[in-house]
Amino acid sequence: MGLFGCMGLRIPSSDESIALVKNIALKKWKAVGNTVFMHIELKPELHKSLWRALNKELQEYASSDCLLKGRSPEERIAFSSRLLVREIQVKY
């Protein structure tokens, strides 16, 4: 029977699965990431995981003293997306 007699070979049927396996073998990680986002079977799982991580980060951010909690007119006028991005980069 030999060393590989017990191993089964499964060939992926979808183009996304074939591209995923090929790019993992070639260590093309950017292509792997792009393929995972487009893969029909992986997409729902990826969305769940991303939402979970995003919600956790937003809860941590909102529980701290942050730029988005500004209530006075002066704080609202001073708000800019650049300041928000810089604050998030510093905190995380």
Protein backbone atom coordinates (compact mmCIF):
# COMPACT_ATOMS: atom_id res chain seq x y z
CA MET A 1 0.00 0.00 0.00
CA GLY A 2 2.93 2.35 0.59
CA LEU A 3 3.33 5.63 2.35
CA PHE A 4 0.58 7.48 0.50
CA GLY A 5 -1.89 4.59 0.15
CA CYS A 6 -4.26 5.96 2.81
CA MET A 7 -4.33 9.51 1.48
CA GLY A 8 -7.22 10.60 -0.69
CA LEU A 9 -6.88 13.18 -3.41
CA ARG A 10 -9.59 15.79 -3.75
CA ILE A 11 -9.48 18.21 -6.67
CA PRO A 12 -11.34 21.49 -6.07
CA SER A 13 -14.22 22.03 -8.46
CA SER A 14 -14.70 25.80 -8.35
CA ASP A 15 -12.34 28.27 -10.00
CA GLU A 16 -12.07 30.20 -6.71
CA SER A 17 -10.95 27.09 -4.82
CA ILE A 18 -8.39 26.21 -7.48
CA ALA A 19 -7.00 29.76 -7.43
CA LEU A 20 -6.91 29.71 -3.63
CA VAL A 21 -4.95 26.45 -3.43
CA LYS A 22 -2.59 27.51 -6.22
CA ASN A 23 -1.83 30.90 -4.66
CA ILE A 24 -1.30 29.38 -1.21
CA ALA A 25 1.19 26.92 -2.74
CA LEU A 26 2.97 29.78 -4.54
CA LYS A 27 2.87 31.95 -1.36
CA LYS A 28 1.13 34.78 -3.19
CA TRP A 29 -0.57 36.11 -0.07
CA LYS A 30 -2.16 39.19 -1.64
CA ALA A 31 -3.84 36.99 -4.24
CA VAL A 32 -4.91 34.58 -1.47
CA GLY A 33 -6.54 37.44 0.43
CA ASN A 34 -8.37 38.67 -2.67
CA THR A 35 -9.54 35.16 -3.53
CA VAL A 36 -10.85 34.55 0.00
CA PHE A 37 -13.01 37.67 -0.25
CA MET A 38 -14.48 36.49 -3.56
CA HIS A 39 -14.90 32.81 -2.62
CA ILE A 40 -18.59 31.92 -2.44
CA GLU A 41 -18.22 29.36 0.37
CA LEU A 42 -15.83 31.44 2.49
CA LYS A 43 -17.55 34.81 2.09
CA PRO A 44 -20.26 34.31 4.78
CA GLU A 45 -17.72 33.08 7.33
CA LEU A 46 -15.37 35.94 6.53
CA HIS A 47 -18.17 38.49 6.92
CA LYS A 48 -19.14 37.07 10.33
CA SER A 49 -15.55 37.19 11.56
CA LEU A 50 -14.95 40.70 10.26
CA TRP A 51 -18.18 42.02 11.82
CA ARG A 52 -17.26 40.43 15.14
CA ALA A 53 -13.79 42.02 15.10
CA LEU A 54 -15.13 45.38 13.95
CA ASN A 55 -17.81 45.47 16.65
CA LYS A 56 -15.24 44.64 19.32
CA GLU A 57 -12.91 47.43 18.18
CA LEU A 58 -15.76 49.95 17.97
CA GLN A 59 -16.93 49.06 21.48
CA GLU A 60 -13.40 49.56 22.82
CA TYR A 61 -13.08 52.85 20.96
CA ALA A 62 -16.47 54.15 22.06
CA SER A 63 -15.81 53.28 25.70
CA SER A 64 -12.72 55.51 25.72
CA ASP A 65 -12.55 59.29 25.60
CA CYS A 66 -12.68 59.79 21.85
CA LEU A 67 -13.12 62.46 19.23
CA LEU A 68 -16.55 61.19 18.22
CA LYS A 69 -17.96 62.04 21.65
CA GLY A 70 -17.59 65.78 21.04
CA ARG A 71 -20.85 67.52 21.88
CA SER A 72 -20.12 71.24 22.00
CA PRO A 73 -20.34 73.36 18.84
CA GLU A 74 -16.59 74.06 19.07
CA GLU A 75 -15.79 70.34 19.18
CA ARG A 76 -18.08 69.65 16.25
CA ILE A 77 -16.55 72.47 14.19
CA ALA A 78 -13.03 71.21 14.97
CA PHE A 79 -13.92 67.68 13.87
CA SER A 80 -12.17 66.38 10.78
CA SER A 81 -11.77 62.90 9.33
CA ARG A 82 -7.98 63.37 9.34
CA LEU A 83 -8.00 63.95 13.09
CA LEU A 84 -10.21 60.90 13.56
CA VAL A 85 -7.88 58.70 11.49
CA ARG A 86 -4.85 60.00 13.42
CA GLU A 87 -6.58 59.32 16.76
CA ILE A 88 -7.43 55.76 15.73
CA GLN A 89 -3.87 55.13 14.48
CA VAL A 90 -2.42 56.32 17.79
CA LYS A 91 -4.82 54.26 19.92
CA TYR A 92 -4.51 51.07 17.88
